[in-house]
Protein backbone atom coordinates (compact mmCIF):
# COMPACT_ATOMS: atom_id res chain seq x y z
CA MET A 1 -16.82 3.46 -14.87
CA PRO A 2 -14.29 3.49 -17.64
CA ASP A 3 -11.01 2.03 -18.03
CA ALA A 4 -7.73 2.97 -18.92
CA SER A 5 -7.85 1.18 -22.31
CA SER A 6 -10.91 3.08 -23.17
CA LEU A 7 -9.77 6.68 -22.38
CA GLN A 8 -7.65 6.64 -25.49
CA PRO A 9 -6.40 10.19 -24.69
CA LEU A 10 -4.00 10.09 -27.79
CA ARG A 11 -6.66 9.33 -30.09
CA GLY A 12 -5.13 11.32 -33.21
CA THR A 13 -2.06 11.82 -32.01
CA HIS A 14 0.91 10.70 -34.54
CA ILE A 15 4.26 9.99 -32.65
CA LEU A 16 7.56 8.64 -34.55
CA SER A 17 10.17 7.71 -32.19
CA LEU A 18 13.74 7.28 -33.21
CA ALA A 19 14.90 5.59 -30.01
CA LEU A 20 15.81 2.00 -29.77
CA ASN A 21 16.28 -0.48 -27.06
CA LEU A 22 14.19 -0.38 -23.92
CA PRO A 23 12.89 3.11 -22.42
CA GLY A 24 11.50 4.76 -26.09
CA PRO A 25 10.31 1.74 -27.24
CA ALA A 26 8.41 1.22 -23.92
CA ALA A 27 6.85 4.91 -24.10
CA LEU A 28 5.86 4.19 -27.58
CA LEU A 29 3.36 1.68 -26.94
CA ARG A 30 2.37 3.55 -23.63
CA CYS A 31 1.71 6.05 -26.02
CA ARG A 32 -0.07 3.55 -28.47
CA ALA A 33 -1.84 2.37 -25.28
CA MET A 34 -3.19 5.21 -24.83
CA GLY A 35 -4.46 5.45 -28.66
CA ALA A 36 -1.74 7.64 -30.08
CA ASP A 37 -0.63 6.31 -34.28
CA CYS A 38 2.75 4.90 -33.22
CA THR A 39 5.60 4.51 -35.98
CA LYS A 40 8.90 4.25 -35.38
CA LEU A 41 12.40 4.25 -37.65
CA GLU A 42 14.78 2.47 -37.45
CA PRO A 43 18.15 1.71 -39.00
CA PRO A 44 18.02 -0.82 -42.19
CA PRO A 45 18.99 -3.92 -40.15
CA ALA A 46 22.00 -6.08 -41.56
CA SER A 47 21.66 -8.42 -43.40
CA GLY A 48 19.92 -11.87 -42.26
CA GLU A 49 18.43 -10.14 -39.31
CA ALA A 50 14.81 -8.62 -38.62
CA SER A 51 16.08 -5.51 -37.08
CA ALA A 52 18.88 -3.02 -36.52
CA ASP A 53 17.30 -2.49 -32.65
CA PRO A 54 19.90 -4.51 -30.47
CA MET A 55 16.48 -5.58 -29.05
CA ALA A 56 15.86 -7.40 -31.19
CA LEU A 57 19.31 -9.40 -30.99
CA TYR A 58 19.67 -9.60 -27.36
CA CYS A 59 15.87 -10.28 -26.09
CA PRO A 60 13.49 -11.44 -29.69
CA PRO A 61 10.36 -11.59 -27.14
CA ALA A 62 10.90 -8.40 -25.50
CA TYR A 63 11.12 -6.61 -28.93
CA ALA A 64 7.55 -8.56 -30.30
CA ALA A 65 6.20 -7.73 -27.19
CA LEU A 66 7.44 -3.90 -27.73
CA HIS A 67 6.42 -3.13 -31.40
CA GLN A 68 2.95 -4.48 -31.16
CA GLY A 69 0.92 -2.03 -33.28
CA ILE A 70 4.01 0.22 -33.89
CA ARG A 71 4.48 0.44 -37.35
CA THR A 72 8.16 0.65 -38.55
CA VAL A 73 10.04 1.62 -40.97
CA HIS A 74 13.67 2.30 -42.15
CA GLY A 75 15.54 4.66 -43.10
CA HIS A 76 19.44 6.00 -42.22
CA LEU A 77 20.04 9.47 -41.19
CA LYS A 78 23.17 9.68 -41.88
CA THR A 79 22.22 9.44 -45.75
CA GLU A 80 20.00 12.18 -48.18
CA ALA A 81 17.27 9.34 -48.41
CA GLY A 82 16.92 8.91 -44.56
CA GLN A 83 16.92 11.76 -44.34
CA ALA A 84 14.21 12.52 -47.32
CA MET A 85 12.23 9.63 -45.09
CA LEU A 86 12.63 11.61 -41.78
CA HIS A 87 11.66 14.95 -42.64
CA ALA A 88 8.03 13.20 -44.68
CA GLU A 89 7.86 11.36 -41.16
CA LEU A 90 8.37 14.44 -38.94
CA ALA A 91 5.39 17.02 -41.08
CA ARG A 92 2.90 15.16 -40.15
CA THR A 93 4.25 14.36 -36.46
CA ASP A 94 3.01 15.74 -33.40
CA VAL A 95 5.69 13.93 -30.32
CA LEU A 96 9.52 13.08 -31.72
CA ILE A 97 10.72 10.87 -29.18
CA THR A 98 14.68 10.01 -29.38
CA SER A 99 17.49 8.59 -27.06
CA PHE A 100 20.28 9.70 -29.24
CA ARG A 101 22.84 12.16 -26.91
CA PRO A 102 22.56 15.58 -27.51
CA SER A 103 25.39 16.07 -29.94
CA ALA A 104 24.27 13.29 -32.06
CA LEU A 105 20.93 14.80 -32.63
CA ALA A 106 23.17 17.83 -33.46
CA ARG A 107 24.63 15.92 -36.62
CA LEU A 108 21.07 14.72 -37.63
CA GLY A 109 20.00 18.11 -37.62
CA LEU A 110 17.49 16.98 -34.97
CA ASP A 111 18.60 19.21 -32.30
CA TRP A 112 15.27 21.52 -30.84
CA PRO A 113 16.44 25.37 -32.19
CA ASP A 114 16.61 23.40 -36.02
CA LEU A 115 13.20 21.33 -35.52
CA GLN A 116 11.24 24.50 -34.13
CA ALA A 117 12.01 26.27 -36.66
CA ARG A 118 11.13 24.04 -39.40
CA TYR A 119 7.97 22.10 -37.61
CA PRO A 120 6.60 25.24 -35.19
CA ARG A 121 3.44 22.53 -34.01
CA LEU A 122 6.71 20.18 -33.39
CA SER A 123 7.67 18.59 -29.72
CA LEU A 124 10.26 16.72 -29.20
CA VAL A 125 10.39 14.33 -25.83
CA ARG A 126 13.94 13.50 -25.90
CA ILE A 127 15.12 10.77 -23.43
CA VAL A 128 18.84 10.79 -21.94
CA GLY A 129 20.95 9.08 -19.77
CA ALA A 130 21.74 12.15 -17.68
CA PRO A 131 20.02 15.21 -17.32
CA GLY A 132 22.29 18.83 -19.00
CA ALA A 133 25.91 18.34 -19.13
CA ARG A 134 25.61 14.94 -18.32
CA ALA A 135 23.95 14.14 -20.84
CA GLU A 136 26.63 13.02 -22.93
CA GLU A 137 28.07 10.33 -20.21
CA PRO A 138 28.01 6.98 -21.37
CA GLY A 139 25.55 4.82 -18.75
CA HIS A 140 22.86 2.61 -19.01
CA ASP A 141 20.20 1.22 -16.62
CA LEU A 142 22.63 -0.70 -14.34
CA THR A 143 24.68 2.62 -13.34
CA TYR A 144 21.96 4.96 -13.30
CA LEU A 145 20.50 2.60 -10.27
CA ALA A 146 24.05 2.39 -8.63
CA GLU A 147 24.30 6.18 -8.67
CA ALA A 148 20.55 6.37 -7.44
CA GLY A 149 21.78 3.73 -4.47
CA LEU A 150 19.91 1.58 -5.29
CA VAL A 151 21.93 -1.73 -5.86
CA THR A 152 23.43 -3.95 -2.53
CA GLY A 153 25.48 -6.30 -2.94
CA ASP A 154 26.61 -8.28 -5.30
CA ALA A 155 23.27 -9.06 -7.08
CA VAL A 156 21.73 -7.55 -10.24
CA PRO A 157 18.73 -5.85 -9.71
CA PRO A 158 15.46 -8.34 -10.69
CA THR A 159 14.46 -5.66 -13.77
CA LEU A 160 16.01 -2.57 -15.06
CA TYR A 161 14.08 -0.02 -13.28
CA ALA A 162 15.23 2.87 -14.85
CA ASP A 163 14.62 1.83 -18.19
CA MET A 164 11.05 1.32 -17.21
CA GLY A 165 10.60 4.12 -14.89
CA GLY A 166 12.03 7.11 -17.89
CA ALA A 167 9.25 5.00 -20.13
CA VAL A 168 6.90 6.07 -17.57
CA LEU A 169 7.98 9.50 -17.77
CA ALA A 170 8.50 9.62 -21.03
CA SER A 171 4.89 8.92 -22.14
CA GLU A 172 3.78 11.72 -18.95
CA ALA A 173 6.48 14.23 -21.20
CA VAL A 174 4.55 13.02 -24.04
CA LEU A 175 0.71 14.18 -22.47
CA GLN A 176 2.41 17.60 -21.28
CA VAL A 177 3.69 19.06 -24.43
CA LEU A 178 0.47 17.90 -25.85
CA LEU A 179 -1.86 20.10 -23.07
CA ALA A 180 1.63 22.55 -23.57
CA ARG A 181 0.86 23.09 -27.30
CA ALA A 182 -2.75 23.27 -26.70
CA ALA A 183 -2.42 26.32 -24.84
CA SER A 184 0.35 27.70 -26.73
CA GLY A 185 -0.29 26.68 -30.66
CA THR A 186 3.70 25.86 -30.25
CA GLY A 187 5.79 22.67 -29.93
CA ALA A 188 7.92 22.26 -26.47
CA CYS A 189 11.35 20.29 -25.47
CA ILE A 190 11.19 17.92 -22.56
CA GLU A 191 14.11 16.14 -21.57
CA VAL A 192 13.30 12.52 -19.14
CA ALA A 193 16.69 11.71 -18.49
CA LEU A 194 17.30 8.35 -17.31
CA SER A 195 18.88 8.74 -14.19
CA GLU A 196 16.66 11.41 -12.41
CA ALA A 197 13.65 8.41 -13.22
CA ALA A 198 16.42 5.99 -10.34
CA ALA A 199 16.31 8.91 -8.47
CA TRP A 200 12.88 9.12 -8.05
CA LEU A 201 12.26 5.66 -7.60
CA ALA A 202 14.99 5.77 -4.70
CA ARG A 203 12.52 8.55 -2.96
CA PRO A 204 11.34 5.93 -0.35
CA ARG A 205 14.39 4.93 0.76
CA ASP A 206 15.67 8.67 0.86
CA TRP A 207 13.23 9.29 3.36
CA GLY A 208 13.79 6.69 5.62
CA LEU A 209 10.57 4.34 4.66
CA THR A 210 12.61 1.59 3.17
CA ALA A 211 15.65 1.82 5.42
CA PRO A 212 16.88 -0.60 7.93
CA GLY A 213 14.84 0.91 10.92
CA GLY A 214 11.66 2.11 8.31
CA ASP A 215 8.08 0.57 8.63
CA VAL A 216 8.50 -0.58 4.92
CA GLY A 217 12.68 -2.24 5.16
CA GLY A 218 11.85 -4.29 7.70
CA ALA A 219 11.73 -2.91 11.43
CA HIS A 220 7.21 -3.60 11.03
CA ALA A 221 7.05 -6.94 12.04
CA GLY A 222 4.02 -7.50 10.24
CA TYR A 223 5.52 -6.15 6.55
CA GLN A 224 8.45 -8.57 6.17
CA VAL A 225 9.05 -12.30 3.76
CA TYR A 226 8.74 -15.33 5.96
CA ALA A 227 10.04 -19.28 6.15
CA CYS A 228 6.45 -20.88 5.90
CA ALA A 229 6.53 -24.44 6.05
CA ASP A 230 6.78 -25.47 2.09
CA GLY A 231 7.89 -22.00 0.84
CA ARG A 232 8.20 -18.47 1.39
CA VAL A 233 5.47 -15.58 2.28
CA ALA A 234 5.01 -12.18 1.67
CA VAL A 235 3.41 -10.44 4.64
CA ALA A 236 1.93 -6.80 4.21
CA ALA A 237 0.23 -6.09 7.42
CA LEU A 238 1.38 -2.92 7.58
CA GLU A 239 -1.59 -1.33 8.76
CA PRO A 240 -2.91 -1.96 12.09
CA HIS A 241 -6.24 -3.62 11.34
CA PHE A 242 -3.52 -5.79 9.24
CA MET A 243 -1.55 -5.73 11.99
CA ALA A 244 -3.85 -7.25 14.87
CA ARG A 245 -5.74 -10.00 12.38
CA LEU A 246 -1.86 -11.60 11.78
CA CYS A 247 -1.62 -11.55 15.31
CA GLU A 248 -4.87 -12.94 16.38
CA ALA A 249 -4.14 -15.25 14.44
CA ALA A 250 -0.68 -15.95 15.97
CA GLY A 251 -1.99 -15.65 19.23
CA LEU A 252 -0.74 -12.98 20.23
CA PRO A 253 -2.27 -10.40 22.24
CA PRO A 254 -4.22 -7.40 20.89
CA GLY A 255 -1.91 -4.51 21.31
CA THR A 256 1.08 -5.91 20.29
CA ASP A 257 4.25 -3.82 19.29
CA PRO A 258 4.76 -4.49 15.24
CA ARG A 259 8.46 -3.40 15.85
CA ALA A 260 9.76 -5.72 18.85
CA ALA A 261 12.11 -7.68 18.49
CA GLU A 262 10.28 -10.62 19.75
CA THR A 263 6.68 -10.20 17.51
CA HIS A 264 9.12 -10.71 14.97
CA THR A 265 10.68 -13.73 16.29
CA ALA A 266 6.95 -14.89 16.82
CA ILE A 267 5.37 -14.54 13.92
CA ALA A 268 8.10 -16.16 12.02
CA ALA A 269 7.83 -18.94 14.30
CA PHE A 270 3.88 -18.83 13.43
CA LEU A 271 3.97 -18.51 9.89
CA ARG A 272 7.22 -21.39 9.61
CA THR A 273 4.64 -23.44 11.00
CA GLN A 274 1.30 -22.95 8.37
CA PRO A 275 2.12 -24.70 4.53
CA SER A 276 0.79 -22.77 2.15
CA ALA A 277 -3.06 -23.87 1.48
CA ALA A 278 -3.49 -22.50 5.61
CA LEU A 279 -2.09 -19.55 4.67
CA GLN A 280 -4.01 -18.97 1.48
CA ALA A 281 -7.12 -19.50 3.68
CA LEU A 282 -5.87 -16.97 6.28
CA ALA A 283 -5.76 -15.19 4.00
CA ARG A 284 -8.74 -15.26 2.66
CA ASN A 285 -10.70 -15.97 5.75
CA ARG A 286 -9.13 -12.92 7.30
CA ASP A 287 -8.87 -10.50 5.21
CA ILE A 288 -4.58 -10.50 5.83
CA PRO A 289 -2.10 -9.52 2.14
CA LEU A 290 0.02 -12.02 1.65
CA HIS A 291 1.76 -13.53 -1.24
CA LEU A 292 3.32 -17.06 -1.74
CA LEU A 293 6.35 -17.03 -3.36
CA GLY A 294 7.61 -21.18 -3.12
CA ASP A 295 10.91 -21.80 -2.31
CA ALA A 296 13.64 -20.08 -2.16
């Protein structure tokens, strides 16, 4: 059976991105992994700097990883020379990815009606912060997660969920517009909003799955992070057969209610006595899904 990397559904497709920071470059990298010929047009870097993309300044390793296999060219889009470079690229491009606000796209002559009139087979994937009329509002990953109810307490989320989720939706949108063009012969435009990516990631919470009373929100004793003898362990014995094995290991009788407070207490007490090596053996020998986390 071929793996995903061997399918290359975008082989022979030319993708051009004007998007800086994270969502656009991450989407472009996904397109590259699917076989696309990918180019990124960046503003010229300042003297002594490797790139004008802010990512290259505040996280060079991320910038390097995001641009593996990506052809990068430089041009100032507000100049005649930069516009000439841009349109030379667009003439051979199948999908353009942007992350400008709509007003900035219009000033650059890149709003959708103008693009469609000049390049009928070109498609546009337009990454914005929020959809529709809110696309002009400023924002970042943290504000979109907060809007979706995914920021709890004072801690900053451990990763950029909205940006990375938006990158996945943008690479999906590339596939959508190319499929649409194959049917119609003309390009299409899809707007991808990072706030909607955050809202999509929040769906399990909205359904109650990850709410405090939900089975994967703390109510089920088999789906928890527990202390063990020398660190912590993430246990995901959610299905009845996994939970039955965990209960047996903890000395609990068949049919134990996984949501009862005493079940939580008993499993916590059992795991607190188990060192990492014993838990690794338990996972291997009894086929129980768990992962050791180390110290808090």
